[in-house]
Amino acid sequence: MKKSQRQIVYERAEKYAKEHLKKINVSMGDYDGGQKCQHVARHRLETEECSKLVVALSFVPKSGVNVHIINFGETKYIDHTHGYLSKRNTYYLIKEYELEEIKDENMSKFLTHHKEEMLNKLFTSKERTDLKINLNNI
C-alpha cells in the first residue's frame, strides 16, 4: 500500500524530532478549535497571559504531524488551540520567542516560514518534488 504524503512526513519528522529536538510536556489550555494556532498563541502573548510563543512539532495520533504554535506560561507549555485534544499529542520544541522578537511579524507568514524551514530539514528539494510534499503536509 502506498503511503500518503502526510504519513511520509510524519515518519521523517518523528525520526528527526527524536534525534534533534527536545520532547516537551504540554498542558491543555482553552479549546479554540480553529486552525489558526499562530493567532491564538500570539493573542495569549499580547494579553500577557503567557510569557513566550513556542514553535513546536505536534504529532497527532492517526492524523499526522504539524508545525504548531503554542505558548509557555509561567511554568509550563500550554496549547490553547487544541485544548483537551492536546492530551493525546506528542510535542517537540523547535524554538521559543518573546513578544519583542516577533512584534512586527505577520503571523501567517511566520508559520509558513517555520513549516518551510522544517520541510527543508526533512527533505531535499528533489524529494519534495518527487514525493509531492508541500506545506499542507506538515
N, C-alpha and C. Protein backbone atom coordinates (compact mmCIF):
# COMPACT_ATOMS: atom_id res chain seq x y z
N MET A 1 0.83 -1.18 0.00
CA MET A 1 0.00 0.00 0.00
C MET A 1 0.88 1.25 0.00
N LYS A 2 0.56 2.17 -0.86
CA LYS A 2 1.32 3.40 -1.00
C LYS A 2 1.04 4.32 0.19
N LYS A 3 2.10 4.93 0.72
CA LYS A 3 1.96 5.85 1.85
C LYS A 3 1.51 7.22 1.36
N SER A 4 0.70 7.87 2.18
CA SER A 4 0.28 9.24 1.86
C SER A 4 1.43 10.20 2.15
N GLN A 5 1.34 11.39 1.61
CA GLN A 5 2.36 12.41 1.88
C GLN A 5 2.43 12.71 3.37
N ARG A 6 1.28 12.79 4.04
CA ARG A 6 1.27 13.07 5.48
C ARG A 6 1.97 11.96 6.26
N GLN A 7 1.81 10.71 5.84
CA GLN A 7 2.47 9.60 6.52
C GLN A 7 3.98 9.64 6.30
N ILE A 8 4.38 9.98 5.10
CA ILE A 8 5.81 10.09 4.79
C ILE A 8 6.44 11.20 5.63
N VAL A 9 5.77 12.34 5.70
CA VAL A 9 6.28 13.46 6.50
C VAL A 9 6.31 13.08 7.98
N TYR A 10 5.27 12.43 8.46
CA TYR A 10 5.19 12.01 9.87
C TYR A 10 6.40 11.14 10.22
N GLU A 11 6.65 10.14 9.41
CA GLU A 11 7.76 9.21 9.70
C GLU A 11 9.11 9.91 9.69
N ARG A 12 9.33 10.78 8.72
CA ARG A 12 10.59 11.51 8.62
C ARG A 12 10.73 12.49 9.80
N ALA A 13 9.64 13.19 10.11
CA ALA A 13 9.66 14.18 11.20
C ALA A 13 9.85 13.51 12.56
N GLU A 14 9.25 12.36 12.74
CA GLU A 14 9.38 11.65 14.02
C GLU A 14 10.84 11.25 14.27
N LYS A 15 11.48 10.74 13.25
CA LYS A 15 12.90 10.36 13.37
C LYS A 15 13.74 11.61 13.67
N TYR A 16 13.50 12.69 12.94
CA TYR A 16 14.25 13.93 13.13
C TYR A 16 14.03 14.47 14.55
N ALA A 17 12.79 14.52 14.97
CA ALA A 17 12.47 15.07 16.29
C ALA A 17 13.16 14.29 17.41
N LYS A 18 13.10 12.99 17.34
CA LYS A 18 13.72 12.15 18.38
C LYS A 18 15.23 12.33 18.44
N GLU A 19 15.85 12.61 17.29
CA GLU A 19 17.30 12.76 17.23
C GLU A 19 17.79 14.18 17.51
N HIS A 20 16.97 15.20 17.21
CA HIS A 20 17.47 16.58 17.23
C HIS A 20 16.70 17.57 18.11
N LEU A 21 15.51 17.22 18.55
CA LEU A 21 14.69 18.17 19.29
C LEU A 21 14.40 17.66 20.70
N LYS A 22 14.01 18.58 21.55
CA LYS A 22 13.67 18.26 22.94
C LYS A 22 12.16 17.98 23.04
N LYS A 23 11.82 16.83 23.59
CA LYS A 23 10.42 16.50 23.82
C LYS A 23 9.92 17.35 24.99
N ILE A 24 8.72 17.91 24.85
CA ILE A 24 8.17 18.76 25.90
C ILE A 24 6.78 18.27 26.32
N ASN A 25 6.47 18.46 27.58
CA ASN A 25 5.13 18.17 28.09
C ASN A 25 4.28 19.42 27.91
N VAL A 26 3.11 19.24 27.35
CA VAL A 26 2.23 20.38 27.07
C VAL A 26 0.90 20.17 27.79
N SER A 27 0.49 21.19 28.50
CA SER A 27 -0.79 21.16 29.21
C SER A 27 -1.89 21.67 28.30
N MET A 28 -3.09 21.17 28.52
CA MET A 28 -4.19 21.66 27.72
C MET A 28 -4.61 23.03 28.24
N GLY A 29 -4.86 23.90 27.29
CA GLY A 29 -5.38 25.22 27.62
C GLY A 29 -6.83 25.29 27.20
N ASP A 30 -7.30 26.47 26.91
CA ASP A 30 -8.65 26.62 26.40
C ASP A 30 -8.72 26.00 25.02
N TYR A 31 -9.88 25.51 24.64
CA TYR A 31 -10.06 24.93 23.32
C TYR A 31 -10.58 26.01 22.38
N ASP A 32 -9.78 26.34 21.36
CA ASP A 32 -10.20 27.33 20.36
C ASP A 32 -10.89 26.63 19.20
N GLY A 33 -10.35 25.48 18.79
CA GLY A 33 -10.97 24.70 17.74
C GLY A 33 -10.69 25.16 16.32
N GLY A 34 -10.12 26.33 16.18
CA GLY A 34 -9.80 26.82 14.85
C GLY A 34 -8.47 26.26 14.37
N GLN A 35 -8.13 26.59 13.17
CA GLN A 35 -6.85 26.15 12.65
C GLN A 35 -5.92 27.35 12.48
N LYS A 36 -5.95 28.22 13.43
CA LYS A 36 -5.14 29.44 13.38
C LYS A 36 -4.29 29.55 14.63
N CYS A 37 -3.53 28.52 14.90
CA CYS A 37 -2.71 28.47 16.12
C CYS A 37 -1.80 29.68 16.24
N GLN A 38 -1.33 30.20 15.10
CA GLN A 38 -0.42 31.33 15.13
C GLN A 38 -1.09 32.56 15.74
N HIS A 39 -2.38 32.73 15.50
CA HIS A 39 -3.10 33.89 16.02
C HIS A 39 -3.54 33.67 17.47
N VAL A 40 -3.95 32.45 17.78
CA VAL A 40 -4.35 32.13 19.16
C VAL A 40 -3.16 32.33 20.10
N ALA A 41 -2.01 31.78 19.74
CA ALA A 41 -0.82 31.90 20.59
C ALA A 41 -0.34 33.34 20.68
N ARG A 42 -0.39 34.06 19.58
CA ARG A 42 0.04 35.46 19.59
C ARG A 42 -0.87 36.29 20.48
N HIS A 43 -2.17 36.02 20.42
CA HIS A 43 -3.12 36.75 21.26
C HIS A 43 -2.80 36.53 22.74
N ARG A 44 -2.52 35.30 23.12
CA ARG A 44 -2.19 34.99 24.52
C ARG A 44 -0.91 35.70 24.93
N LEU A 45 0.02 35.84 24.03
CA LEU A 45 1.26 36.54 24.32
C LEU A 45 1.01 38.04 24.46
N GLU A 46 0.22 38.59 23.57
CA GLU A 46 -0.09 40.02 23.60
C GLU A 46 -0.86 40.43 24.85
N THR A 47 -1.73 39.54 25.33
CA THR A 47 -2.53 39.87 26.52
C THR A 47 -1.79 39.52 27.81
N GLU A 48 -0.55 39.10 27.68
CA GLU A 48 0.33 38.78 28.80
C GLU A 48 -0.17 37.61 29.64
N GLU A 49 -1.03 36.76 29.04
CA GLU A 49 -1.45 35.55 29.72
C GLU A 49 -0.33 34.50 29.68
N CYS A 50 0.57 34.65 28.72
CA CYS A 50 1.69 33.74 28.57
C CYS A 50 2.95 34.57 28.31
N SER A 51 4.11 33.99 28.63
CA SER A 51 5.35 34.75 28.51
C SER A 51 6.11 34.51 27.21
N LYS A 52 5.82 33.40 26.53
CA LYS A 52 6.53 33.10 25.29
C LYS A 52 5.60 32.46 24.27
N LEU A 53 5.95 32.67 23.01
CA LEU A 53 5.33 31.97 21.91
C LEU A 53 6.29 30.85 21.53
N VAL A 54 5.76 29.66 21.30
CA VAL A 54 6.60 28.48 21.10
C VAL A 54 6.23 27.80 19.78
N VAL A 55 7.24 27.54 18.96
CA VAL A 55 7.05 26.77 17.74
C VAL A 55 7.44 25.34 18.07
N ALA A 56 6.55 24.41 17.75
CA ALA A 56 6.78 23.00 18.10
C ALA A 56 6.32 22.10 16.97
N LEU A 57 6.81 20.88 17.00
CA LEU A 57 6.24 19.82 16.16
C LEU A 57 5.21 19.13 17.04
N SER A 58 4.01 19.00 16.53
CA SER A 58 2.93 18.34 17.25
C SER A 58 2.54 17.08 16.48
N PHE A 59 2.77 15.93 17.10
CA PHE A 59 2.42 14.66 16.48
C PHE A 59 1.04 14.26 16.98
N VAL A 60 0.10 14.16 16.03
CA VAL A 60 -1.30 13.89 16.35
C VAL A 60 -1.60 12.45 15.94
N PRO A 61 -1.97 11.59 16.90
CA PRO A 61 -2.23 10.18 16.56
C PRO A 61 -3.27 10.04 15.45
N LYS A 62 -2.97 9.18 14.50
CA LYS A 62 -3.84 8.85 13.38
C LYS A 62 -4.21 10.05 12.50
N SER A 63 -3.40 11.11 12.59
CA SER A 63 -3.69 12.29 11.78
C SER A 63 -2.46 12.79 11.04
N GLY A 64 -1.35 12.96 11.76
CA GLY A 64 -0.14 13.46 11.12
C GLY A 64 0.68 14.30 12.09
N VAL A 65 1.56 15.06 11.51
CA VAL A 65 2.42 15.95 12.29
C VAL A 65 2.21 17.36 11.77
N ASN A 66 2.27 18.33 12.69
CA ASN A 66 2.09 19.72 12.30
C ASN A 66 3.16 20.58 12.94
N VAL A 67 3.61 21.59 12.21
CA VAL A 67 4.35 22.66 12.85
C VAL A 67 3.24 23.46 13.53
N HIS A 68 3.33 23.57 14.83
CA HIS A 68 2.23 24.11 15.63
C HIS A 68 2.77 25.18 16.56
N ILE A 69 1.97 26.21 16.79
CA ILE A 69 2.41 27.30 17.66
C ILE A 69 1.57 27.29 18.94
N ILE A 70 2.29 27.22 20.05
CA ILE A 70 1.67 27.15 21.37
C ILE A 70 2.29 28.25 22.24
N ASN A 71 2.04 28.19 23.53
CA ASN A 71 2.60 29.18 24.44
C ASN A 71 3.36 28.53 25.59
N PHE A 72 4.17 29.35 26.24
CA PHE A 72 4.77 28.99 27.50
C PHE A 72 4.26 29.98 28.53
N GLY A 73 3.69 29.46 29.62
CA GLY A 73 3.20 30.31 30.70
C GLY A 73 4.31 30.50 31.71
N GLU A 74 3.95 30.64 32.95
CA GLU A 74 4.96 30.86 33.99
C GLU A 74 5.84 29.63 34.20
N THR A 75 5.24 28.44 34.13
CA THR A 75 5.99 27.22 34.43
C THR A 75 5.76 26.08 33.46
N LYS A 76 4.90 26.28 32.46
CA LYS A 76 4.56 25.15 31.59
C LYS A 76 4.19 25.59 30.18
N TYR A 77 4.31 24.62 29.27
CA TYR A 77 3.86 24.82 27.89
C TYR A 77 2.36 24.57 27.85
N ILE A 78 1.64 25.39 27.07
CA ILE A 78 0.19 25.32 27.02
C ILE A 78 -0.28 25.40 25.57
N ASP A 79 -1.22 24.52 25.21
CA ASP A 79 -1.82 24.55 23.87
C ASP A 79 -3.25 25.08 24.00
N HIS A 80 -3.43 26.34 23.60
CA HIS A 80 -4.75 26.96 23.68
C HIS A 80 -5.55 26.77 22.40
N THR A 81 -4.98 26.14 21.40
CA THR A 81 -5.74 25.88 20.18
C THR A 81 -6.42 24.52 20.26
N HIS A 82 -5.66 23.49 20.59
CA HIS A 82 -6.22 22.13 20.63
C HIS A 82 -6.90 21.81 21.95
N GLY A 83 -6.62 22.59 22.99
CA GLY A 83 -7.27 22.36 24.28
C GLY A 83 -7.16 20.92 24.74
N TYR A 84 -8.29 20.30 25.05
CA TYR A 84 -8.31 18.92 25.57
C TYR A 84 -7.69 17.92 24.61
N LEU A 85 -7.73 18.20 23.32
CA LEU A 85 -7.16 17.28 22.34
C LEU A 85 -5.64 17.18 22.47
N SER A 86 -5.03 18.20 23.07
CA SER A 86 -3.57 18.20 23.22
C SER A 86 -3.07 17.09 24.13
N LYS A 87 -3.94 16.53 24.94
CA LYS A 87 -3.54 15.44 25.85
C LYS A 87 -3.07 14.22 25.08
N ARG A 88 -3.51 14.07 23.85
CA ARG A 88 -3.15 12.90 23.05
C ARG A 88 -1.92 13.12 22.18
N ASN A 89 -1.52 14.37 22.04
CA ASN A 89 -0.43 14.71 21.13
C ASN A 89 0.93 14.60 21.79
N THR A 90 1.94 14.45 20.97
CA THR A 90 3.33 14.46 21.43
C THR A 90 3.99 15.68 20.81
N TYR A 91 4.70 16.44 21.63
CA TYR A 91 5.27 17.72 21.19
C TYR A 91 6.79 17.73 21.32
N TYR A 92 7.43 18.39 20.35
CA TYR A 92 8.87 18.61 20.38
C TYR A 92 9.13 20.09 20.13
N LEU A 93 9.99 20.66 20.94
CA LEU A 93 10.31 22.09 20.87
C LEU A 93 11.20 22.40 19.66
N ILE A 94 10.78 23.38 18.87
CA ILE A 94 11.61 23.89 17.78
C ILE A 94 12.28 25.19 18.22
N LYS A 95 11.47 26.17 18.69
CA LYS A 95 12.04 27.45 19.08
C LYS A 95 11.04 28.23 19.93
N GLU A 96 11.57 29.05 20.84
CA GLU A 96 10.75 29.93 21.67
C GLU A 96 11.03 31.38 21.32
N TYR A 97 9.98 32.22 21.42
CA TYR A 97 10.11 33.64 21.12
C TYR A 97 9.43 34.46 22.21
N GLU A 98 10.02 35.59 22.51
CA GLU A 98 9.37 36.57 23.36
C GLU A 98 8.71 37.59 22.45
N LEU A 99 7.76 38.33 22.98
CA LEU A 99 6.99 39.28 22.17
C LEU A 99 7.88 40.26 21.42
N GLU A 100 8.89 40.76 22.06
CA GLU A 100 9.78 41.74 21.44
C GLU A 100 10.41 41.20 20.15
N GLU A 101 10.66 39.90 20.11
CA GLU A 101 11.30 39.28 18.94
C GLU A 101 10.38 39.16 17.74
N ILE A 102 9.08 39.14 17.98
CA ILE A 102 8.13 38.90 16.88
C ILE A 102 7.10 40.02 16.73
N LYS A 103 7.33 41.15 17.40
CA LYS A 103 6.31 42.21 17.44
C LYS A 103 5.90 42.71 16.06
N ASP A 104 6.76 42.65 15.07
CA ASP A 104 6.43 43.13 13.74
C ASP A 104 6.12 42.01 12.75
N GLU A 105 5.98 40.80 13.24
CA GLU A 105 5.76 39.64 12.36
C GLU A 105 4.32 39.53 11.89
N ASN A 106 4.14 39.19 10.62
CA ASN A 106 2.86 38.73 10.11
C ASN A 106 2.80 37.26 10.51
N MET A 107 1.85 36.90 11.35
CA MET A 107 1.86 35.57 11.95
C MET A 107 1.59 34.44 10.96
N SER A 108 0.84 34.70 9.92
CA SER A 108 0.62 33.66 8.91
C SER A 108 1.91 33.38 8.15
N LYS A 109 2.64 34.44 7.82
CA LYS A 109 3.94 34.27 7.14
C LYS A 109 4.95 33.62 8.09
N PHE A 110 4.86 33.96 9.37
CA PHE A 110 5.73 33.38 10.39
C PHE A 110 5.56 31.85 10.44
N LEU A 111 4.31 31.40 10.46
CA LEU A 111 4.03 29.97 10.48
C LEU A 111 4.50 29.30 9.19
N THR A 112 4.22 29.93 8.07
CA THR A 112 4.64 29.39 6.77
C THR A 112 6.16 29.24 6.72
N HIS A 113 6.86 30.25 7.22
CA HIS A 113 8.33 30.20 7.25
C HIS A 113 8.81 28.99 8.05
N HIS A 114 8.22 28.75 9.21
CA HIS A 114 8.66 27.63 10.04
C HIS A 114 8.30 26.28 9.43
N LYS A 115 7.18 26.21 8.74
CA LYS A 115 6.82 24.97 8.03
C LYS A 115 7.83 24.69 6.92
N GLU A 116 8.13 25.72 6.15
CA GLU A 116 9.08 25.59 5.04
C GLU A 116 10.45 25.18 5.56
N GLU A 117 10.88 25.83 6.62
CA GLU A 117 12.18 25.52 7.22
C GLU A 117 12.25 24.06 7.68
N MET A 118 11.18 23.56 8.30
CA MET A 118 11.17 22.18 8.77
C MET A 118 11.18 21.21 7.59
N LEU A 119 10.36 21.46 6.59
CA LEU A 119 10.35 20.56 5.43
C LEU A 119 11.72 20.52 4.75
N ASN A 120 12.41 21.64 4.72
CA ASN A 120 13.74 21.68 4.12
C ASN A 120 14.77 20.90 4.94
N LYS A 121 14.53 20.76 6.23
CA LYS A 121 15.40 19.93 7.07
C LYS A 121 15.11 18.44 6.85
N LEU A 122 13.87 18.14 6.52
CA LEU A 122 13.45 16.75 6.40
C LEU A 122 13.65 16.15 5.01
N PHE A 123 13.58 17.00 3.99
CA PHE A 123 13.61 16.51 2.61
C PHE A 123 14.50 17.40 1.73
N THR A 124 15.12 16.77 0.75
CA THR A 124 15.80 17.57 -0.27
C THR A 124 14.72 18.15 -1.18
N SER A 125 15.09 19.11 -1.98
CA SER A 125 14.12 19.70 -2.90
C SER A 125 13.65 18.67 -3.93
N LYS A 126 14.54 17.79 -4.35
CA LYS A 126 14.15 16.73 -5.29
C LYS A 126 13.16 15.77 -4.64
N GLU A 127 13.41 15.39 -3.38
CA GLU A 127 12.48 14.51 -2.67
C GLU A 127 11.11 15.16 -2.55
N ARG A 128 11.10 16.44 -2.22
CA ARG A 128 9.81 17.14 -2.08
C ARG A 128 9.04 17.13 -3.39
N THR A 129 9.75 17.34 -4.48
CA THR A 129 9.10 17.32 -5.80
C THR A 129 8.63 15.91 -6.14
N ASP A 130 9.52 14.93 -6.02
CA ASP A 130 9.19 13.55 -6.38
C ASP A 130 8.05 12.98 -5.54
N LEU A 131 8.06 13.31 -4.24
CA LEU A 131 7.05 12.77 -3.32
C LEU A 131 5.81 13.67 -3.22
N LYS A 132 5.86 14.81 -3.90
CA LYS A 132 4.74 15.78 -3.89
C LYS A 132 4.45 16.25 -2.46
N ILE A 133 5.52 16.56 -1.72
CA ILE A 133 5.40 17.06 -0.35
C ILE A 133 5.27 18.58 -0.40
N ASN A 134 4.26 19.11 0.29
CA ASN A 134 4.08 20.56 0.34
C ASN A 134 3.72 21.00 1.76
N LEU A 135 3.51 22.28 1.94
CA LEU A 135 3.24 22.85 3.26
C LEU A 135 1.98 22.28 3.92
N ASN A 136 1.05 21.80 3.13
CA ASN A 136 -0.16 21.22 3.70
C ASN A 136 0.08 19.88 4.38
N ASN A 137 1.25 19.32 4.16
CA ASN A 137 1.57 18.01 4.72
C ASN A 137 2.23 18.09 6.10
N ILE A 138 2.42 19.31 6.60
CA ILE A 138 3.02 19.43 7.93
C ILE A 138 2.37 20.56 8.73
